[in-house]
Amino acid sequence: MELPGKLAKLAIRNIHTRSLAFVITQRHENSPARFTEAVMANFALRQGIAEDKVRDWQTQLAEAEKQGRFGFASFPVLTTGTLA
């Protein structure tokens, strides 16, 4: 949210942002959903959440995927501009 203002201060003009929202419905090894799951699981473990609770959560995600009700949403934003 701060990038357009920072770019304007650097004399960048014609600044435009575009949302590139997408939903991922599979957790294969090359999926951003799987990567985020791993990051969140490691964070939970480091915060003292019991390993069995974390594994239960991951099992729930796998079940949701098998049943066709898993979804991971990502909302990256593309920002473009030109030098003045």
PDB file of N, CA and C in Angstrom:
ATOM      1  N   MET A   1       0.823  -1.195   0.000  1.00  0.00           N
ATOM      2  CA  MET A   1       0.000   0.000   0.000  1.00  0.00           C
ATOM      3  C   MET A   1       0.867   1.258   0.000  1.00  0.00           C
ATOM      4  N   GLU A   2       2.103   1.150   0.423  1.00  0.00           N
ATOM      5  CA  GLU A   2       2.975   2.321   0.495  1.00  0.00           C
ATOM      6  C   GLU A   2       3.803   2.514  -0.769  1.00  0.00           C
ATOM      7  N   LEU A   3       3.893   1.497  -1.591  1.00  0.00           N
ATOM      8  CA  LEU A   3       4.785   1.561  -2.744  1.00  0.00           C
ATOM      9  C   LEU A   3       4.481   2.717  -3.697  1.00  0.00           C
ATOM     10  N   PRO A   4       3.240   2.970  -4.089  1.00  0.00           N
ATOM     11  CA  PRO A   4       3.009   4.096  -5.002  1.00  0.00           C
ATOM     12  C   PRO A   4       3.531   5.431  -4.466  1.00  0.00           C
ATOM     13  N   GLY A   5       3.339   5.694  -3.193  1.00  0.00           N
ATOM     14  CA  GLY A   5       3.851   6.932  -2.607  1.00  0.00           C
ATOM     15  C   GLY A   5       5.365   6.996  -2.621  1.00  0.00           C
ATOM     16  N   LYS A   6       5.997   5.876  -2.308  1.00  0.00           N
ATOM     17  CA  LYS A   6       7.465   5.845  -2.325  1.00  0.00           C
ATOM     18  C   LYS A   6       8.002   6.033  -3.741  1.00  0.00           C
ATOM     19  N   LEU A   7       7.340   5.420  -4.711  1.00  0.00           N
ATOM     20  CA  LEU A   7       7.775   5.584  -6.102  1.00  0.00           C
ATOM     21  C   LEU A   7       7.608   7.028  -6.557  1.00  0.00           C
ATOM     22  N   ALA A   8       6.514   7.663  -6.190  1.00  0.00           N
ATOM     23  CA  ALA A   8       6.277   9.066  -6.568  1.00  0.00           C
ATOM     24  C   ALA A   8       7.378   9.962  -6.019  1.00  0.00           C
ATOM     25  N   LYS A   9       7.839   9.696  -4.805  1.00  0.00           N
ATOM     26  CA  LYS A   9       8.922  10.487  -4.212  1.00  0.00           C
ATOM     27  C   LYS A   9      10.238  10.302  -4.960  1.00  0.00           C
ATOM     28  N   LEU A  10      10.350   9.197  -5.714  1.00  0.00           N
ATOM     29  CA  LEU A  10      11.556   8.927  -6.504  1.00  0.00           C
ATOM     30  C   LEU A  10      11.400   9.383  -7.949  1.00  0.00           C
ATOM     31  N   ALA A  11      10.417  10.231  -8.203  1.00  0.00           N
ATOM     32  CA  ALA A  11      10.155  10.803  -9.534  1.00  0.00           C
ATOM     33  C   ALA A  11       9.620   9.775 -10.524  1.00  0.00           C
ATOM     34  N   ILE A  12       9.015   8.733 -10.043  1.00  0.00           N
ATOM     35  CA  ILE A  12       8.328   7.785 -10.922  1.00  0.00           C
ATOM     36  C   ILE A  12       6.932   8.337 -11.175  1.00  0.00           C
ATOM     37  N   ARG A  13       6.502   8.320 -12.420  1.00  0.00           N
ATOM     38  CA  ARG A  13       5.183   8.866 -12.790  1.00  0.00           C
ATOM     39  C   ARG A  13       4.348   7.777 -13.455  1.00  0.00           C
ATOM     40  N   ASN A  14       3.095   8.114 -13.723  1.00  0.00           N
ATOM     41  CA  ASN A  14       2.160   7.162 -14.343  1.00  0.00           C
ATOM     42  C   ASN A  14       2.119   5.852 -13.568  1.00  0.00           C
ATOM     43  N   ILE A  15       2.016   5.975 -12.266  1.00  0.00           N
ATOM     44  CA  ILE A  15       2.009   4.802 -11.390  1.00  0.00           C
ATOM     45  C   ILE A  15       0.624   4.165 -11.417  1.00  0.00           C
ATOM     46  N   HIS A  16       0.604   2.872 -11.685  1.00  0.00           N
ATOM     47  CA  HIS A  16      -0.645   2.120 -11.725  1.00  0.00           C
ATOM     48  C   HIS A  16      -0.465   0.832 -10.928  1.00  0.00           C
ATOM     49  N   THR A  17      -1.503   0.428 -10.248  1.00  0.00           N
ATOM     50  CA  THR A  17      -1.474  -0.855  -9.545  1.00  0.00           C
ATOM     51  C   THR A  17      -2.613  -1.721 -10.082  1.00  0.00           C
ATOM     52  N   ARG A  18      -2.356  -3.020 -10.096  1.00  0.00           N
ATOM     53  CA  ARG A  18      -3.357  -3.971 -10.586  1.00  0.00           C
ATOM     54  C   ARG A  18      -3.317  -5.214  -9.707  1.00  0.00           C
ATOM     55  N   SER A  19      -4.468  -5.580  -9.189  1.00  0.00           N
ATOM     56  CA  SER A  19      -4.577  -6.794  -8.383  1.00  0.00           C
ATOM     57  C   SER A  19      -4.556  -8.010  -9.301  1.00  0.00           C
ATOM     58  N   LEU A  20      -3.825  -9.022  -8.903  1.00  0.00           N
ATOM     59  CA  LEU A  20      -3.726 -10.261  -9.679  1.00  0.00           C
ATOM     60  C   LEU A  20      -4.236 -11.430  -8.838  1.00  0.00           C
ATOM     61  N   ALA A  21      -5.378 -11.249  -8.220  1.00  0.00           N
ATOM     62  CA  ALA A  21      -5.912 -12.250  -7.295  1.00  0.00           C
ATOM     63  C   ALA A  21      -6.140 -13.591  -7.990  1.00  0.00           C
ATOM     64  N   PHE A  22      -5.819 -14.667  -7.255  1.00  0.00           N
ATOM     65  CA  PHE A  22      -6.086 -16.010  -7.760  1.00  0.00           C
ATOM     66  C   PHE A  22      -6.331 -16.960  -6.599  1.00  0.00           C
ATOM     67  N   VAL A  23      -6.997 -18.073  -6.908  1.00  0.00           N
ATOM     68  CA  VAL A  23      -7.294 -19.105  -5.915  1.00  0.00           C
ATOM     69  C   VAL A  23      -6.630 -20.400  -6.360  1.00  0.00           C
ATOM     70  N   ILE A  24      -5.922 -21.026  -5.436  1.00  0.00           N
ATOM     71  CA  ILE A  24      -5.258 -22.307  -5.688  1.00  0.00           C
ATOM     72  C   ILE A  24      -6.060 -23.379  -4.966  1.00  0.00           C
ATOM     73  N   THR A  25      -6.351 -24.471  -5.659  1.00  0.00           N
ATOM     74  CA  THR A  25      -7.189 -25.515  -5.064  1.00  0.00           C
ATOM     75  C   THR A  25      -6.451 -26.830  -4.846  1.00  0.00           C
ATOM     76  N   GLN A  26      -5.136 -26.840  -5.100  1.00  0.00           N
ATOM     77  CA  GLN A  26      -4.345 -28.053  -4.875  1.00  0.00           C
ATOM     78  C   GLN A  26      -3.090 -27.733  -4.087  1.00  0.00           C
ATOM     79  N   ARG A  27      -2.624 -28.725  -3.346  1.00  0.00           N
ATOM     80  CA  ARG A  27      -1.476 -28.540  -2.456  1.00  0.00           C
ATOM     81  C   ARG A  27      -0.265 -29.333  -2.928  1.00  0.00           C
ATOM     82  N   HIS A  28      -0.009 -29.411  -4.229  1.00  0.00           N
ATOM     83  CA  HIS A  28       1.150 -30.165  -4.717  1.00  0.00           C
ATOM     84  C   HIS A  28       2.452 -29.504  -4.252  1.00  0.00           C
ATOM     85  N   GLU A  29       3.561 -30.192  -4.437  1.00  0.00           N
ATOM     86  CA  GLU A  29       4.847 -29.731  -3.886  1.00  0.00           C
ATOM     87  C   GLU A  29       5.317 -28.380  -4.430  1.00  0.00           C
ATOM     88  N   ASN A  30       4.831 -27.970  -5.592  1.00  0.00           N
ATOM     89  CA  ASN A  30       5.251 -26.703  -6.169  1.00  0.00           C
ATOM     90  C   ASN A  30       4.193 -25.617  -5.978  1.00  0.00           C
ATOM     91  N   SER A  31       3.284 -25.835  -5.065  1.00  0.00           N
ATOM     92  CA  SER A  31       2.164 -24.923  -4.848  1.00  0.00           C
ATOM     93  C   SER A  31       2.487 -23.884  -3.773  1.00  0.00           C
ATOM     94  N   PRO A  32       2.134 -22.614  -4.019  1.00  0.00           N
ATOM     95  CA  PRO A  32       2.284 -21.622  -2.963  1.00  0.00           C
ATOM     96  C   PRO A  32       1.481 -21.992  -1.721  1.00  0.00           C
ATOM     97  N   ALA A  33       0.390 -22.712  -1.910  1.00  0.00           N
ATOM     98  CA  ALA A  33      -0.412 -23.146  -0.761  1.00  0.00           C
ATOM     99  C   ALA A  33       0.387 -24.105   0.116  1.00  0.00           C
ATOM    100  N   ARG A  34       1.103 -25.044  -0.489  1.00  0.00           N
ATOM    101  CA  ARG A  34       1.903 -25.996   0.287  1.00  0.00           C
ATOM    102  C   ARG A  34       3.046 -25.279   0.991  1.00  0.00           C
ATOM    103  N   PHE A  35       3.682 -24.338   0.312  1.00  0.00           N
ATOM    104  CA  PHE A  35       4.771 -23.579   0.929  1.00  0.00           C
ATOM    105  C   PHE A  35       4.256 -22.800   2.141  1.00  0.00           C
ATOM    106  N   THR A  36       3.124 -22.115   1.976  1.00  0.00           N
ATOM    107  CA  THR A  36       2.554 -21.343   3.081  1.00  0.00           C
ATOM    108  C   THR A  36       2.153 -22.250   4.231  1.00  0.00           C
ATOM    109  N   GLU A  37       1.606 -23.407   3.903  1.00  0.00           N
ATOM    110  CA  GLU A  37       1.257 -24.388   4.945  1.00  0.00           C
ATOM    111  C   GLU A  37       2.489 -24.768   5.760  1.00  0.00           C
ATOM    112  N   ALA A  38       3.599 -25.037   5.085  1.00  0.00           N
ATOM    113  CA  ALA A  38       4.830 -25.414   5.779  1.00  0.00           C
ATOM    114  C   ALA A  38       5.342 -24.278   6.663  1.00  0.00           C
ATOM    115  N   VAL A  39       5.308 -23.058   6.148  1.00  0.00           N
ATOM    116  CA  VAL A  39       5.755 -21.898   6.926  1.00  0.00           C
ATOM    117  C   VAL A  39       4.886 -21.732   8.174  1.00  0.00           C
ATOM    118  N   MET A  40       3.568 -21.842   8.000  1.00  0.00           N
ATOM    119  CA  MET A  40       2.662 -21.682   9.136  1.00  0.00           C
ATOM    120  C   MET A  40       2.824 -22.813  10.145  1.00  0.00           C
ATOM    121  N   ALA A  41       3.030 -24.036   9.670  1.00  0.00           N
ATOM    122  CA  ALA A  41       3.224 -25.167  10.576  1.00  0.00           C
ATOM    123  C   ALA A  41       4.497 -24.976  11.398  1.00  0.00           C
ATOM    124  N   ASN A  42       5.582 -24.571  10.741  1.00  0.00           N
ATOM    125  CA  ASN A  42       6.838 -24.340  11.470  1.00  0.00           C
ATOM    126  C   ASN A  42       6.685 -23.220  12.487  1.00  0.00           C
ATOM    127  N   PHE A  43       5.984 -22.156  12.109  1.00  0.00           N
ATOM    128  CA  PHE A  43       5.761 -21.056  13.038  1.00  0.00           C
ATOM    129  C   PHE A  43       4.969 -21.538  14.253  1.00  0.00           C
ATOM    130  N   ALA A  44       3.902 -22.288  14.006  1.00  0.00           N
ATOM    131  CA  ALA A  44       3.078 -22.797  15.111  1.00  0.00           C
ATOM    132  C   ALA A  44       3.903 -23.660  16.054  1.00  0.00           C
ATOM    133  N   LEU A  45       4.726 -24.538  15.498  1.00  0.00           N
ATOM    134  CA  LEU A  45       5.570 -25.408  16.324  1.00  0.00           C
ATOM    135  C   LEU A  45       6.541 -24.583  17.169  1.00  0.00           C
ATOM    136  N   ARG A  46       7.142 -23.550  16.558  1.00  0.00           N
ATOM    137  CA  ARG A  46       8.084 -22.691  17.300  1.00  0.00           C
ATOM    138  C   ARG A  46       7.388 -21.885  18.388  1.00  0.00           C
ATOM    139  N   GLN A  47       6.083 -21.676  18.242  1.00  0.00           N
ATOM    140  CA  GLN A  47       5.323 -20.926  19.246  1.00  0.00           C
ATOM    141  C   GLN A  47       4.771 -21.835  20.338  1.00  0.00           C
ATOM    142  N   GLY A  48       5.101 -23.116  20.274  1.00  0.00           N
ATOM    143  CA  GLY A  48       4.698 -24.032  21.330  1.00  0.00           C
ATOM    144  C   GLY A  48       3.414 -24.805  21.081  1.00  0.00           C
ATOM    145  N   ILE A  49       2.845 -24.689  19.881  1.00  0.00           N
ATOM    146  CA  ILE A  49       1.667 -25.491  19.550  1.00  0.00           C
ATOM    147  C   ILE A  49       2.110 -26.949  19.444  1.00  0.00           C
ATOM    148  N   ALA A  50       1.342 -27.831  20.053  1.00  0.00           N
ATOM    149  CA  ALA A  50       1.699 -29.252  20.060  1.00  0.00           C
ATOM    150  C   ALA A  50       1.762 -29.803  18.636  1.00  0.00           C
ATOM    151  N   GLU A  51       2.773 -30.641  18.397  1.00  0.00           N
ATOM    152  CA  GLU A  51       2.974 -31.207  17.064  1.00  0.00           C
ATOM    153  C   GLU A  51       1.736 -31.962  16.578  1.00  0.00           C
ATOM    154  N   ASP A  52       1.057 -32.690  17.476  1.00  0.00           N
ATOM    155  CA  ASP A  52      -0.122 -33.431  17.041  1.00  0.00           C
ATOM    156  C   ASP A  52      -1.234 -32.489  16.582  1.00  0.00           C
ATOM    157  N   LYS A  53      -1.338 -31.316  17.187  1.00  0.00           N
ATOM    158  CA  LYS A  53      -2.343 -30.329  16.761  1.00  0.00           C
ATOM    159  C   LYS A  53      -2.015 -29.779  15.375  1.00  0.00           C
ATOM    160  N   VAL A  54      -0.737 -29.518  15.144  1.00  0.00           N
ATOM    161  CA  VAL A  54      -0.308 -29.008  13.835  1.00  0.00           C
ATOM    162  C   VAL A  54      -0.550 -30.071  12.771  1.00  0.00           C
ATOM    163  N   ARG A  55      -0.203 -31.304  13.064  1.00  0.00           N
ATOM    164  CA  ARG A  55      -0.413 -32.399  12.097  1.00  0.00           C
ATOM    165  C   ARG A  55      -1.908 -32.622  11.849  1.00  0.00           C
ATOM    166  N   ASP A  56      -2.745 -32.478  12.875  1.00  0.00           N
ATOM    167  CA  ASP A  56      -4.204 -32.590  12.690  1.00  0.00           C
ATOM    168  C   ASP A  56      -4.695 -31.525  11.711  1.00  0.00           C
ATOM    169  N   TRP A  57      -4.183 -30.315  11.859  1.00  0.00           N
ATOM    170  CA  TRP A  57      -4.561 -29.220  10.965  1.00  0.00           C
ATOM    171  C   TRP A  57      -4.155 -29.551   9.530  1.00  0.00           C
ATOM    172  N   GLN A  58      -2.929 -30.067   9.365  1.00  0.00           N
ATOM    173  CA  GLN A  58      -2.468 -30.420   8.026  1.00  0.00           C
ATOM    174  C   GLN A  58      -3.296 -31.570   7.437  1.00  0.00           C
ATOM    175  N   THR A  59      -3.707 -32.495   8.277  1.00  0.00           N
ATOM    176  CA  THR A  59      -4.573 -33.578   7.826  1.00  0.00           C
ATOM    177  C   THR A  59      -5.926 -33.031   7.377  1.00  0.00           C
ATOM    178  N   GLN A  60      -6.442 -32.050   8.090  1.00  0.00           N
ATOM    179  CA  GLN A  60      -7.704 -31.415   7.702  1.00  0.00           C
ATOM    180  C   GLN A  60      -7.573 -30.735   6.340  1.00  0.00           C
ATOM    181  N   LEU A  61      -6.441 -30.100   6.099  1.00  0.00           N
ATOM    182  CA  LEU A  61      -6.215 -29.473   4.796  1.00  0.00           C
ATOM    183  C   LEU A  61      -6.196 -30.522   3.688  1.00  0.00           C
ATOM    184  N   ALA A  62      -5.510 -31.629   3.941  1.00  0.00           N
ATOM    185  CA  ALA A  62      -5.440 -32.708   2.946  1.00  0.00           C
ATOM    186  C   ALA A  62      -6.834 -33.276   2.661  1.00  0.00           C
ATOM    187  N   GLU A  63      -7.627 -33.457   3.698  1.00  0.00           N
ATOM    188  CA  GLU A  63      -8.999 -33.963   3.526  1.00  0.00           C
ATOM    189  C   GLU A  63      -9.844 -32.975   2.730  1.00  0.00           C
ATOM    190  N   ALA A  64      -9.719 -31.702   3.040  1.00  0.00           N
ATOM    191  CA  ALA A  64     -10.471 -30.682   2.315  1.00  0.00           C
ATOM    192  C   ALA A  64     -10.091 -30.700   0.835  1.00  0.00           C
ATOM    193  N   GLU A  65      -8.806 -30.884   0.555  1.00  0.00           N
ATOM    194  CA  GLU A  65      -8.350 -30.948  -0.837  1.00  0.00           C
ATOM    195  C   GLU A  65      -8.975 -32.158  -1.538  1.00  0.00           C
ATOM    196  N   LYS A  66      -8.943 -33.311  -0.895  1.00  0.00           N
ATOM    197  CA  LYS A  66      -9.525 -34.524  -1.481  1.00  0.00           C
ATOM    198  C   LYS A  66     -11.012 -34.358  -1.761  1.00  0.00           C
ATOM    199  N   GLN A  67     -11.699 -33.618  -0.909  1.00  0.00           N
ATOM    200  CA  GLN A  67     -13.143 -33.429  -1.038  1.00  0.00           C
ATOM    201  C   GLN A  67     -13.507 -32.259  -1.959  1.00  0.00           C
ATOM    202  N   GLY A  68     -12.486 -31.590  -2.491  1.00  0.00           N
ATOM    203  CA  GLY A  68     -12.734 -30.477  -3.405  1.00  0.00           C
ATOM    204  C   GLY A  68     -13.191 -29.198  -2.733  1.00  0.00           C
ATOM    205  N   ARG A  69     -12.871 -29.040  -1.457  1.00  0.00           N
ATOM    206  CA  ARG A  69     -13.289 -27.822  -0.745  1.00  0.00           C
ATOM    207  C   ARG A  69     -12.104 -27.054  -0.169  1.00  0.00           C
ATOM    208  N   PHE A  70     -10.918 -27.305  -0.698  1.00  0.00           N
ATOM    209  CA  PHE A  70      -9.731 -26.562  -0.277  1.00  0.00           C
ATOM    210  C   PHE A  70      -9.532 -25.375  -1.212  1.00  0.00           C
ATOM    211  N   GLY A  71      -9.183 -24.242  -0.650  1.00  0.00           N
ATOM    212  CA  GLY A  71      -8.849 -23.083  -1.456  1.00  0.00           C
ATOM    213  C   GLY A  71      -7.857 -22.197  -0.729  1.00  0.00           C
ATOM    214  N   PHE A  72      -6.862 -21.746  -1.443  1.00  0.00           N
ATOM    215  CA  PHE A  72      -5.850 -20.829  -0.920  1.00  0.00           C
ATOM    216  C   PHE A  72      -5.888 -19.601  -1.817  1.00  0.00           C
ATOM    217  N   ALA A  73      -6.218 -18.458  -1.258  1.00  0.00           N
ATOM    218  CA  ALA A  73      -6.313 -17.224  -2.042  1.00  0.00           C
ATOM    219  C   ALA A  73      -5.055 -16.390  -1.864  1.00  0.00           C
ATOM    220  N   SER A  74      -4.602 -15.820  -2.947  1.00  0.00           N
ATOM    221  CA  SER A  74      -3.452 -14.926  -2.919  1.00  0.00           C
ATOM    222  C   SER A  74      -3.828 -13.659  -3.682  1.00  0.00           C
ATOM    223  N   PHE A  75      -3.399 -12.518  -3.168  1.00  0.00           N
ATOM    224  CA  PHE A  75      -3.753 -11.242  -3.772  1.00  0.00           C
ATOM    225  C   PHE A  75      -2.509 -10.391  -4.047  1.00  0.00           C
ATOM    226  N   PRO A  76      -1.616 -10.861  -4.909  1.00  0.00           N
ATOM    227  CA  PRO A  76      -0.465 -10.015  -5.242  1.00  0.00           C
ATOM    228  C   PRO A  76      -0.913  -8.794  -6.032  1.00  0.00           C
ATOM    229  N   VAL A  77      -0.100  -7.764  -5.980  1.00  0.00           N
ATOM    230  CA  VAL A  77      -0.408  -6.520  -6.674  1.00  0.00           C
ATOM    231  C   VAL A  77       0.765  -6.179  -7.583  1.00  0.00           C
ATOM    232  N   LEU A  78       0.474  -5.911  -8.844  1.00  0.00           N
ATOM    233  CA  LEU A  78       1.483  -5.487  -9.808  1.00  0.00           C
ATOM    234  C   LEU A  78       1.480  -3.978  -9.850  1.00  0.00           C
ATOM    235  N   THR A  79       2.628  -3.368  -9.629  1.00  0.00           N
ATOM    236  CA  THR A  79       2.749  -1.911  -9.676  1.00  0.00           C
ATOM    237  C   THR A  79       3.695  -1.538 -10.808  1.00  0.00           C
ATOM    238  N   THR A  80       3.251  -0.641 -11.670  1.00  0.00           N
ATOM    239  CA  THR A  80       4.087  -0.196 -12.796  1.00  0.00           C
ATOM    240  C   THR A  80       4.171   1.327 -12.772  1.00  0.00           C
ATOM    241  N   GLY A  81       5.186   1.844 -13.435  1.00  0.00           N
ATOM    242  CA  GLY A  81       5.363   3.290 -13.553  1.00  0.00           C
ATOM    243  C   GLY A  81       6.470   3.601 -14.534  1.00  0.00           C
ATOM    244  N   THR A  82       6.660   4.867 -14.810  1.00  0.00           N
ATOM    245  CA  THR A  82       7.709   5.291 -15.721  1.00  0.00           C
ATOM    246  C   THR A  82       8.557   6.360 -15.055  1.00  0.00           C
ATOM    247  N   LEU A  83       9.814   6.400 -15.465  1.00  0.00           N
ATOM    248  CA  LEU A  83      10.708   7.461 -14.966  1.00  0.00           C
ATOM    249  C   LEU A  83      10.311   8.783 -15.586  1.00  0.00           C
ATOM    250  N   ALA A  84      10.359   9.815 -14.765  1.00  0.00           N
ATOM    251  CA  ALA A  84       9.983  11.156 -15.261  1.00  0.00           C
ATOM    252  C   ALA A  84      11.088  11.730 -16.113  1.00  0.00           C
TER     253      ALA A  84
END
